[in-house]
Amino acid sequence: MKMSDKLYNIISRVFSVSIDEISDDSGPEDIERWDSFNALVLVDELESEFSIQFTVAEITDVFKISDIKRHLRNHGVNLDE
């Protein structure tokens, strides 16, 4: 499984949404359950899964899934593997 698939699976699970409904352009305005609480749950899940630690600046700089991917890449996560 590619890392980007793993990311989508985590997002799907945290927000209780089908993977088919998620794209890199998806954000809080597209995913009903993407609120402040579930956003923190997502951060925790991503940090655990990818063994990284996001900064507060990174966490507040997420407006869509492509932003999450950018921050993961900045932490050395290869999403194409």
C-alpha atoms as a PDB file:
ATOM      1  CA  MET A   1       0.000   0.000   0.000  1.00  0.00           C
ATOM      2  CA  LYS A   2       1.359   3.405  -0.977  1.00  0.00           C
ATOM      3  CA  MET A   3       1.770   6.009   1.745  1.00  0.00           C
ATOM      4  CA  SER A   4      -0.778   8.250   0.013  1.00  0.00           C
ATOM      5  CA  ASP A   5      -3.305   5.364   0.184  1.00  0.00           C
ATOM      6  CA  LYS A   6      -2.503   4.976   3.874  1.00  0.00           C
ATOM      7  CA  LEU A   7      -3.124   8.709   4.333  1.00  0.00           C
ATOM      8  CA  TYR A   8      -6.508   8.469   2.589  1.00  0.00           C
ATOM      9  CA  ASN A   9      -7.439   5.438   4.714  1.00  0.00           C
ATOM     10  CA  ILE A  10      -6.677   7.377   7.902  1.00  0.00           C
ATOM     11  CA  ILE A  11      -8.678  10.398   6.715  1.00  0.00           C
ATOM     12  CA  SER A  12     -11.558   8.117   5.730  1.00  0.00           C
ATOM     13  CA  ARG A  13     -11.557   6.446   9.151  1.00  0.00           C
ATOM     14  CA  VAL A  14     -11.214   9.640  11.239  1.00  0.00           C
ATOM     15  CA  PHE A  15     -13.923  11.545   9.362  1.00  0.00           C
ATOM     16  CA  SER A  16     -16.192   8.524   8.666  1.00  0.00           C
ATOM     17  CA  VAL A  17     -16.257   9.278   4.942  1.00  0.00           C
ATOM     18  CA  SER A  18     -15.784   7.017   1.929  1.00  0.00           C
ATOM     19  CA  ILE A  19     -12.367   7.122   0.275  1.00  0.00           C
ATOM     20  CA  ASP A  20     -14.222   7.775  -3.000  1.00  0.00           C
ATOM     21  CA  GLU A  21     -15.359  11.122  -1.571  1.00  0.00           C
ATOM     22  CA  ILE A  22     -11.805  12.278  -0.754  1.00  0.00           C
ATOM     23  CA  SER A  23      -9.391  14.104  -3.047  1.00  0.00           C
ATOM     24  CA  ASP A  24      -6.290  16.236  -2.557  1.00  0.00           C
ATOM     25  CA  ASP A  25      -8.583  19.279  -2.833  1.00  0.00           C
ATOM     26  CA  SER A  26     -10.889  18.082  -0.030  1.00  0.00           C
ATOM     27  CA  GLY A  27     -10.959  20.211   3.100  1.00  0.00           C
ATOM     28  CA  PRO A  28     -13.157  21.081   6.078  1.00  0.00           C
ATOM     29  CA  GLU A  29     -15.753  22.691   3.819  1.00  0.00           C
ATOM     30  CA  ASP A  30     -16.090  19.423   1.850  1.00  0.00           C
ATOM     31  CA  ILE A  31     -16.002  16.877   4.674  1.00  0.00           C
ATOM     32  CA  GLU A  32     -18.822  17.368   7.159  1.00  0.00           C
ATOM     33  CA  ARG A  33     -17.074  15.779  10.158  1.00  0.00           C
ATOM     34  CA  TRP A  34     -13.831  17.766   9.639  1.00  0.00           C
ATOM     35  CA  ASP A  35     -14.191  19.973  12.694  1.00  0.00           C
ATOM     36  CA  SER A  36     -11.612  21.175  15.218  1.00  0.00           C
ATOM     37  CA  PHE A  37     -11.890  18.047  17.390  1.00  0.00           C
ATOM     38  CA  ASN A  38     -11.599  15.555  14.538  1.00  0.00           C
ATOM     39  CA  ALA A  39      -8.764  17.609  13.048  1.00  0.00           C
ATOM     40  CA  LEU A  40      -6.802  16.990  16.276  1.00  0.00           C
ATOM     41  CA  VAL A  41      -7.687  13.288  16.121  1.00  0.00           C
ATOM     42  CA  LEU A  42      -6.359  13.270  12.549  1.00  0.00           C
ATOM     43  CA  VAL A  43      -3.106  14.960  13.608  1.00  0.00           C
ATOM     44  CA  ASP A  44      -2.640  12.366  16.357  1.00  0.00           C
ATOM     45  CA  GLU A  45      -3.319   9.477  13.960  1.00  0.00           C
ATOM     46  CA  LEU A  46      -0.917  10.856  11.338  1.00  0.00           C
ATOM     47  CA  GLU A  47       1.833  11.486  13.866  1.00  0.00           C
ATOM     48  CA  SER A  48       1.488   7.932  15.186  1.00  0.00           C
ATOM     49  CA  GLU A  49       1.277   6.285  11.763  1.00  0.00           C
ATOM     50  CA  PHE A  50       4.194   8.144  10.186  1.00  0.00           C
ATOM     51  CA  SER A  51       6.312   8.565  13.374  1.00  0.00           C
ATOM     52  CA  ILE A  52       6.529  12.338  13.023  1.00  0.00           C
ATOM     53  CA  GLN A  53       5.641  15.413  15.080  1.00  0.00           C
ATOM     54  CA  PHE A  54       3.824  18.333  13.457  1.00  0.00           C
ATOM     55  CA  THR A  55       4.435  21.875  14.645  1.00  0.00           C
ATOM     56  CA  VAL A  56       1.547  24.140  15.628  1.00  0.00           C
ATOM     57  CA  ALA A  57       2.307  26.224  12.526  1.00  0.00           C
ATOM     58  CA  GLU A  58       1.929  23.138  10.320  1.00  0.00           C
ATOM     59  CA  ILE A  59      -1.294  22.077  12.013  1.00  0.00           C
ATOM     60  CA  THR A  60      -2.856  25.508  11.517  1.00  0.00           C
ATOM     61  CA  ASP A  61      -1.660  25.591   7.885  1.00  0.00           C
ATOM     62  CA  VAL A  62      -3.981  22.817   6.676  1.00  0.00           C
ATOM     63  CA  PHE A  63      -6.829  23.876   4.431  1.00  0.00           C
ATOM     64  CA  LYS A  64      -7.049  20.761   2.280  1.00  0.00           C
ATOM     65  CA  ILE A  65      -5.515  17.312   1.999  1.00  0.00           C
ATOM     66  CA  SER A  66      -2.766  18.515  -0.340  1.00  0.00           C
ATOM     67  CA  ASP A  67      -1.498  20.668   2.563  1.00  0.00           C
ATOM     68  CA  ILE A  68      -1.241  17.556   4.741  1.00  0.00           C
ATOM     69  CA  LYS A  69       0.732  15.832   1.981  1.00  0.00           C
ATOM     70  CA  ARG A  70       3.105  18.814   1.733  1.00  0.00           C
ATOM     71  CA  HIS A  71       3.770  18.749   5.469  1.00  0.00           C
ATOM     72  CA  LEU A  72       4.288  14.972   5.417  1.00  0.00           C
ATOM     73  CA  ARG A  73       6.819  15.357   2.589  1.00  0.00           C
ATOM     74  CA  ASN A  74       8.608  18.077   4.598  1.00  0.00           C
ATOM     75  CA  HIS A  75       8.994  15.475   7.355  1.00  0.00           C
ATOM     76  CA  GLY A  76      10.577  13.034   4.915  1.00  0.00           C
ATOM     77  CA  VAL A  77       7.519  10.866   4.272  1.00  0.00           C
ATOM     78  CA  ASN A  78       7.633   9.521   0.713  1.00  0.00           C
ATOM     79  CA  LEU A  79       3.968   9.322  -0.304  1.00  0.00           C
ATOM     80  CA  ASP A  80       4.794   7.459  -3.525  1.00  0.00           C
ATOM     81  CA  GLU A  81       6.233   4.401  -1.775  1.00  0.00           C
END
